[in-house]
């Protein structure tokens, strides 16, 4: 079993969970909506004067780390 396959399986198991994803320039937090073709689709809540939800698409090749928030 190779690393890429294992990582993909772990990411797929995290769909629906809140995650943090770091790239070289940004940190994204939100709910993982979808993972396909090595692209993460993240639903991010932006807090300001109004609460806004946006979809963020991140290619796996630009990700430095992914942290899954496990609820208890």
PDB file of N, CA and C in Angstrom:
ATOM      1  N   UNK A   1       0.854  -1.172   0.000  1.00  0.00           N
ATOM      2  CA  UNK A   1       0.000   0.000   0.000  1.00  0.00           C
ATOM      3  C   UNK A   1       0.901   1.237   0.000  1.00  0.00           C
ATOM      4  N   UNK A   2       0.634   2.169  -0.889  1.00  0.00           N
ATOM      5  CA  UNK A   2       1.482   3.345  -0.958  1.00  0.00           C
ATOM      6  C   UNK A   2       0.885   4.514  -0.158  1.00  0.00           C
ATOM      7  N   UNK A   3       1.712   5.515   0.091  1.00  0.00           N
ATOM      8  CA  UNK A   3       1.313   6.648   0.923  1.00  0.00           C
ATOM      9  C   UNK A   3       0.149   7.426   0.311  1.00  0.00           C
ATOM     10  N   UNK A   4       0.183   7.660  -0.968  1.00  0.00           N
ATOM     11  CA  UNK A   4      -0.859   8.431  -1.644  1.00  0.00           C
ATOM     12  C   UNK A   4      -2.229   7.779  -1.464  1.00  0.00           C
ATOM     13  N   UNK A   5      -2.284   6.463  -1.595  1.00  0.00           N
ATOM     14  CA  UNK A   5      -3.536   5.734  -1.417  1.00  0.00           C
ATOM     15  C   UNK A   5      -4.021   5.834   0.025  1.00  0.00           C
ATOM     16  N   UNK A   6      -3.120   5.681   0.985  1.00  0.00           N
ATOM     17  CA  UNK A   6      -3.482   5.777   2.402  1.00  0.00           C
ATOM     18  C   UNK A   6      -3.989   7.167   2.759  1.00  0.00           C
ATOM     19  N   UNK A   7      -3.306   8.186   2.250  1.00  0.00           N
ATOM     20  CA  UNK A   7      -3.727   9.558   2.511  1.00  0.00           C
ATOM     21  C   UNK A   7      -5.108   9.826   1.924  1.00  0.00           C
ATOM     22  N   UNK A   8      -5.345   9.383   0.720  1.00  0.00           N
ATOM     23  CA  UNK A   8      -6.654   9.567   0.088  1.00  0.00           C
ATOM     24  C   UNK A   8      -7.756   8.906   0.904  1.00  0.00           C
ATOM     25  N   UNK A   9      -7.501   7.703   1.403  1.00  0.00           N
ATOM     26  CA  UNK A   9      -8.495   7.009   2.226  1.00  0.00           C
ATOM     27  C   UNK A   9      -8.779   7.767   3.518  1.00  0.00           C
ATOM     28  N   UNK A  10      -7.747   8.299   4.162  1.00  0.00           N
ATOM     29  CA  UNK A  10      -7.935   9.069   5.386  1.00  0.00           C
ATOM     30  C   UNK A  10      -8.741  10.334   5.126  1.00  0.00           C
ATOM     31  N   UNK A  11      -8.467  11.003   4.015  1.00  0.00           N
ATOM     32  CA  UNK A  11      -9.201  12.223   3.679  1.00  0.00           C
ATOM     33  C   UNK A  11     -10.668  11.901   3.399  1.00  0.00           C
ATOM     34  N   UNK A  12     -10.925  10.837   2.677  1.00  0.00           N
ATOM     35  CA  UNK A  12     -12.302  10.440   2.362  1.00  0.00           C
ATOM     36  C   UNK A  12     -13.071  10.124   3.644  1.00  0.00           C
ATOM     37  N   UNK A  13     -12.426   9.505   4.614  1.00  0.00           N
ATOM     38  CA  UNK A  13     -13.076   9.200   5.889  1.00  0.00           C
ATOM     39  C   UNK A  13     -13.386  10.464   6.690  1.00  0.00           C
ATOM     40  N   UNK A  14     -12.726  11.573   6.363  1.00  0.00           N
ATOM     41  CA  UNK A  14     -12.923  12.828   7.087  1.00  0.00           C
ATOM     42  C   UNK A  14     -13.995  13.720   6.465  1.00  0.00           C
ATOM     43  N   UNK A  15     -14.643  13.269   5.404  1.00  0.00           N
ATOM     44  CA  UNK A  15     -15.700  14.065   4.774  1.00  0.00           C
ATOM     45  C   UNK A  15     -16.818  14.288   5.788  1.00  0.00           C
ATOM     46  N   UNK A  16     -17.241  15.544   5.885  1.00  0.00           N
ATOM     47  CA  UNK A  16     -18.275  15.918   6.837  1.00  0.00           C
ATOM     48  C   UNK A  16     -17.730  16.431   8.159  1.00  0.00           C
ATOM     49  N   UNK A  17     -16.436  16.267   8.383  1.00  0.00           N
ATOM     50  CA  UNK A  17     -15.804  16.724   9.625  1.00  0.00           C
ATOM     51  C   UNK A  17     -15.205  18.112   9.443  1.00  0.00           C
ATOM     52  N   UNK A  18     -15.025  18.806  10.563  1.00  0.00           N
ATOM     53  CA  UNK A  18     -14.342  20.090  10.537  1.00  0.00           C
ATOM     54  C   UNK A  18     -12.844  19.852  10.473  1.00  0.00           C
ATOM     55  N   UNK A  19     -12.184  20.561   9.559  1.00  0.00           N
ATOM     56  CA  UNK A  19     -10.746  20.398   9.386  1.00  0.00           C
ATOM     57  C   UNK A  19     -10.070  21.759   9.252  1.00  0.00           C
ATOM     58  N   UNK A  20      -8.763  21.766   9.452  1.00  0.00           N
ATOM     59  CA  UNK A  20      -7.909  22.905   9.159  1.00  0.00           C
ATOM     60  C   UNK A  20      -6.945  22.465   8.076  1.00  0.00           C
ATOM     61  N   UNK A  21      -6.756  23.307   7.083  1.00  0.00           N
ATOM     62  CA  UNK A  21      -5.847  23.004   5.986  1.00  0.00           C
ATOM     63  C   UNK A  21      -4.889  24.178   5.832  1.00  0.00           C
ATOM     64  N   UNK A  22      -3.595  23.894   5.870  1.00  0.00           N
ATOM     65  CA  UNK A  22      -2.588  24.938   5.708  1.00  0.00           C
ATOM     66  C   UNK A  22      -1.901  24.793   4.362  1.00  0.00           C
ATOM     67  N   UNK A  23      -1.731  25.946   3.704  1.00  0.00           N
ATOM     68  CA  UNK A  23      -0.927  26.015   2.488  1.00  0.00           C
ATOM     69  C   UNK A  23       0.279  26.903   2.799  1.00  0.00           C
ATOM     70  N   UNK A  24       1.078  27.212   1.809  1.00  0.00           N
ATOM     71  CA  UNK A  24       2.236  28.077   2.040  1.00  0.00           C
ATOM     72  C   UNK A  24       1.830  29.467   2.513  1.00  0.00           C
ATOM     73  N   UNK A  25       0.660  29.934   2.100  1.00  0.00           N
ATOM     74  CA  UNK A  25       0.280  31.323   2.376  1.00  0.00           C
ATOM     75  C   UNK A  25      -0.971  31.488   3.228  1.00  0.00           C
ATOM     76  N   UNK A  26      -1.757  30.438   3.457  1.00  0.00           N
ATOM     77  CA  UNK A  26      -3.043  30.604   4.133  1.00  0.00           C
ATOM     78  C   UNK A  26      -3.384  29.415   5.010  1.00  0.00           C
ATOM     79  N   UNK A  27      -4.286  29.680   5.955  1.00  0.00           N
ATOM     80  CA  UNK A  27      -4.861  28.632   6.793  1.00  0.00           C
ATOM     81  C   UNK A  27      -6.371  28.678   6.595  1.00  0.00           C
ATOM     82  N   UNK A  28      -6.961  27.563   6.225  1.00  0.00           N
ATOM     83  CA  UNK A  28      -8.395  27.467   5.986  1.00  0.00           C
ATOM     84  C   UNK A  28      -9.007  26.564   7.037  1.00  0.00           C
ATOM     85  N   UNK A  29     -10.182  26.945   7.539  1.00  0.00           N
ATOM     86  CA  UNK A  29     -10.930  26.126   8.491  1.00  0.00           C
ATOM     87  C   UNK A  29     -12.343  25.974   7.982  1.00  0.00           C
ATOM     88  N   UNK A  30     -12.865  24.770   8.083  1.00  0.00           N
ATOM     89  CA  UNK A  30     -14.235  24.547   7.655  1.00  0.00           C
ATOM     90  C   UNK A  30     -14.562  23.069   7.598  1.00  0.00           C
ATOM     91  N   UNK A  31     -15.700  22.775   7.000  1.00  0.00           N
ATOM     92  CA  UNK A  31     -16.173  21.394   6.879  1.00  0.00           C
ATOM     93  C   UNK A  31     -15.748  20.838   5.531  1.00  0.00           C
ATOM     94  N   UNK A  32     -15.149  19.654   5.568  1.00  0.00           N
ATOM     95  CA  UNK A  32     -14.743  18.994   4.323  1.00  0.00           C
ATOM     96  C   UNK A  32     -15.990  18.454   3.635  1.00  0.00           C
ATOM     97  N   UNK A  33     -16.250  18.956   2.440  1.00  0.00           N
ATOM     98  CA  UNK A  33     -17.462  18.603   1.702  1.00  0.00           C
ATOM     99  C   UNK A  33     -17.195  17.455   0.738  1.00  0.00           C
ATOM    100  N   UNK A  34     -16.057  17.505   0.059  1.00  0.00           N
ATOM    101  CA  UNK A  34     -15.808  16.543  -1.016  1.00  0.00           C
ATOM    102  C   UNK A  34     -14.312  16.421  -1.253  1.00  0.00           C
ATOM    103  N   UNK A  35     -13.890  15.254  -1.697  1.00  0.00           N
ATOM    104  CA  UNK A  35     -12.508  15.032  -2.111  1.00  0.00           C
ATOM    105  C   UNK A  35     -12.524  14.180  -3.369  1.00  0.00           C
ATOM    106  N   UNK A  36     -12.111  14.771  -4.476  1.00  0.00           N
ATOM    107  CA  UNK A  36     -12.032  14.008  -5.724  1.00  0.00           C
ATOM    108  C   UNK A  36     -10.971  14.610  -6.617  1.00  0.00           C
ATOM    109  N   UNK A  37     -10.355  13.768  -7.400  1.00  0.00           N
ATOM    110  CA  UNK A  37      -9.297  14.174  -8.337  1.00  0.00           C
ATOM    111  C   UNK A  37      -8.202  14.979  -7.629  1.00  0.00           C
ATOM    112  N   UNK A  38      -7.875  14.558  -6.385  1.00  0.00           N
ATOM    113  CA  UNK A  38      -6.838  15.197  -5.568  1.00  0.00           C
ATOM    114  C   UNK A  38      -7.110  16.670  -5.287  1.00  0.00           C
ATOM    115  N   UNK A  39      -8.392  17.020  -5.184  1.00  0.00           N
ATOM    116  CA  UNK A  39      -8.794  18.382  -4.823  1.00  0.00           C
ATOM    117  C   UNK A  39      -9.729  18.307  -3.621  1.00  0.00           C
ATOM    118  N   UNK A  40      -9.413  19.093  -2.589  1.00  0.00           N
ATOM    119  CA  UNK A  40     -10.262  19.197  -1.407  1.00  0.00           C
ATOM    120  C   UNK A  40     -11.300  20.289  -1.650  1.00  0.00           C
ATOM    121  N   UNK A  41     -12.553  20.001  -1.319  1.00  0.00           N
ATOM    122  CA  UNK A  41     -13.599  21.019  -1.368  1.00  0.00           C
ATOM    123  C   UNK A  41     -14.019  21.278   0.068  1.00  0.00           C
ATOM    124  N   UNK A  42     -13.788  22.502   0.511  1.00  0.00           N
ATOM    125  CA  UNK A  42     -13.985  22.881   1.898  1.00  0.00           C
ATOM    126  C   UNK A  42     -15.038  23.975   1.988  1.00  0.00           C
ATOM    127  N   UNK A  43     -16.004  23.808   2.885  1.00  0.00           N
ATOM    128  CA  UNK A  43     -17.022  24.837   3.133  1.00  0.00           C
ATOM    129  C   UNK A  43     -16.546  25.662   4.321  1.00  0.00           C
ATOM    130  N   UNK A  44     -16.154  26.888   4.050  1.00  0.00           N
ATOM    131  CA  UNK A  44     -15.537  27.742   5.066  1.00  0.00           C
ATOM    132  C   UNK A  44     -16.526  28.816   5.511  1.00  0.00           C
ATOM    133  N   UNK A  45     -16.650  29.006   6.825  1.00  0.00           N
ATOM    134  CA  UNK A  45     -17.485  30.070   7.374  1.00  0.00           C
ATOM    135  C   UNK A  45     -16.602  31.278   7.645  1.00  0.00           C
ATOM    136  N   UNK A  46     -17.002  32.416   7.101  1.00  0.00           N
ATOM    137  CA  UNK A  46     -16.258  33.645   7.287  1.00  0.00           C
ATOM    138  C   UNK A  46     -17.059  34.526   8.230  1.00  0.00           C
ATOM    139  N   UNK A  47     -16.441  34.888   9.336  1.00  0.00           N
ATOM    140  CA  UNK A  47     -17.130  35.672  10.348  1.00  0.00           C
ATOM    141  C   UNK A  47     -16.731  37.128  10.193  1.00  0.00           C
ATOM    142  N   UNK A  48     -17.705  37.981  10.090  1.00  0.00           N
ATOM    143  CA  UNK A  48     -17.504  39.418   9.969  1.00  0.00           C
ATOM    144  C   UNK A  48     -18.776  40.091  10.419  1.00  0.00           C
ATOM    145  N   UNK A  49     -19.192  41.118   9.710  1.00  0.00           N
ATOM    146  CA  UNK A  49     -20.475  41.748  10.033  1.00  0.00           C
ATOM    147  C   UNK A  49     -21.616  40.768   9.803  1.00  0.00           C
ATOM    148  N   UNK A  50     -21.471  39.968   8.793  1.00  0.00           N
ATOM    149  CA  UNK A  50     -22.435  38.913   8.516  1.00  0.00           C
ATOM    150  C   UNK A  50     -21.670  37.606   8.401  1.00  0.00           C
ATOM    151  N   UNK A  51     -22.310  36.531   8.722  1.00  0.00           N
ATOM    152  CA  UNK A  51     -21.687  35.223   8.574  1.00  0.00           C
ATOM    153  C   UNK A  51     -21.883  34.770   7.143  1.00  0.00           C
ATOM    154  N   UNK A  52     -20.787  34.523   6.456  1.00  0.00           N
ATOM    155  CA  UNK A  52     -20.819  34.148   5.044  1.00  0.00           C
ATOM    156  C   UNK A  52     -20.169  32.778   4.893  1.00  0.00           C
ATOM    157  N   UNK A  53     -20.761  31.952   4.066  1.00  0.00           N
ATOM    158  CA  UNK A  53     -20.194  30.641   3.767  1.00  0.00           C
ATOM    159  C   UNK A  53     -19.695  30.645   2.335  1.00  0.00           C
ATOM    160  N   UNK A  54     -18.479  30.129   2.132  1.00  0.00           N
ATOM    161  CA  UNK A  54     -17.949  30.040   0.773  1.00  0.00           C
ATOM    162  C   UNK A  54     -17.287  28.677   0.590  1.00  0.00           C
ATOM    163  N   UNK A  55     -17.250  28.245  -0.645  1.00  0.00           N
ATOM    164  CA  UNK A  55     -16.566  27.001  -0.983  1.00  0.00           C
ATOM    165  C   UNK A  55     -15.136  27.325  -1.394  1.00  0.00           C
ATOM    166  N   UNK A  56     -14.204  26.548  -0.870  1.00  0.00           N
ATOM    167  CA  UNK A  56     -12.789  26.712  -1.186  1.00  0.00           C
ATOM    168  C   UNK A  56     -12.311  25.411  -1.811  1.00  0.00           C
ATOM    169  N   UNK A  57     -11.627  25.508  -2.938  1.00  0.00           N
ATOM    170  CA  UNK A  57     -11.082  24.342  -3.626  1.00  0.00           C
ATOM    171  C   UNK A  57      -9.566  24.384  -3.495  1.00  0.00           C
ATOM    172  N   UNK A  58      -8.985  23.333  -2.921  1.00  0.00           N
ATOM    173  CA  UNK A  58      -7.544  23.291  -2.680  1.00  0.00           C
ATOM    174  C   UNK A  58      -6.950  22.030  -3.301  1.00  0.00           C
ATOM    175  N   UNK A  59      -6.034  22.182  -4.231  1.00  0.00           N
ATOM    176  CA  UNK A  59      -5.366  20.989  -4.765  1.00  0.00           C
ATOM    177  C   UNK A  59      -4.475  20.381  -3.685  1.00  0.00           C
ATOM    178  N   UNK A  60      -4.480  19.087  -3.604  1.00  0.00           N
ATOM    179  CA  UNK A  60      -3.712  18.385  -2.585  1.00  0.00           C
ATOM    180  C   UNK A  60      -2.222  18.696  -2.679  1.00  0.00           C
ATOM    181  N   UNK A  61      -1.743  19.010  -3.873  1.00  0.00           N
ATOM    182  CA  UNK A  61      -0.328  19.315  -4.057  1.00  0.00           C
ATOM    183  C   UNK A  61       0.094  20.620  -3.376  1.00  0.00           C
ATOM    184  N   UNK A  62      -0.869  21.500  -3.047  1.00  0.00           N
ATOM    185  CA  UNK A  62      -0.527  22.770  -2.392  1.00  0.00           C
ATOM    186  C   UNK A  62      -0.720  22.719  -0.878  1.00  0.00           C
ATOM    187  N   UNK A  63      -1.149  21.584  -0.346  1.00  0.00           N
ATOM    188  CA  UNK A  63      -1.437  21.454   1.085  1.00  0.00           C
ATOM    189  C   UNK A  63      -0.171  21.075   1.843  1.00  0.00           C
ATOM    190  N   UNK A  64       0.085  21.818   2.948  1.00  0.00           N
ATOM    191  CA  UNK A  64       1.203  21.487   3.828  1.00  0.00           C
ATOM    192  C   UNK A  64       0.781  20.532   4.929  1.00  0.00           C
ATOM    193  N   UNK A  65      -0.384  20.776   5.530  1.00  0.00           N
ATOM    194  CA  UNK A  65      -0.913  19.832   6.507  1.00  0.00           C
ATOM    195  C   UNK A  65      -2.414  19.943   6.601  1.00  0.00           C
ATOM    196  N   UNK A  66      -3.023  18.868   7.101  1.00  0.00           N
ATOM    197  CA  UNK A  66      -4.456  18.814   7.350  1.00  0.00           C
ATOM    198  C   UNK A  66      -4.639  18.360   8.792  1.00  0.00           C
ATOM    199  N   UNK A  67      -5.413  19.117   9.535  1.00  0.00           N
ATOM    200  CA  UNK A  67      -5.723  18.754  10.920  1.00  0.00           C
ATOM    201  C   UNK A  67      -7.219  18.508  11.011  1.00  0.00           C
ATOM    202  N   UNK A  68      -7.583  17.325  11.491  1.00  0.00           N
ATOM    203  CA  UNK A  68      -8.990  16.961  11.637  1.00  0.00           C
ATOM    204  C   UNK A  68      -9.398  17.202  13.073  1.00  0.00           C
ATOM    205  N   UNK A  69     -10.510  17.923  13.260  1.00  0.00           N
ATOM    206  CA  UNK A  69     -11.023  18.183  14.599  1.00  0.00           C
ATOM    207  C   UNK A  69     -12.000  17.066  14.950  1.00  0.00           C
ATOM    208  N   UNK A  70     -11.587  16.225  15.873  1.00  0.00           N
ATOM    209  CA  UNK A  70     -12.408  15.089  16.277  1.00  0.00           C
ATOM    210  C   UNK A  70     -13.304  15.537  17.430  1.00  0.00           C
ATOM    211  N   UNK A  71     -14.619  15.407  17.229  1.00  0.00           N
ATOM    212  CA  UNK A  71     -15.551  15.785  18.295  1.00  0.00           C
ATOM    213  C   UNK A  71     -15.692  14.649  19.279  1.00  0.00           C
ATOM    214  N   UNK A  72     -15.923  15.021  20.531  1.00  0.00           N
ATOM    215  CA  UNK A  72     -16.043  13.990  21.576  1.00  0.00           C
ATOM    216  C   UNK A  72     -17.417  13.970  22.150  1.00  0.00           C
TER     217      UNK A  72
END
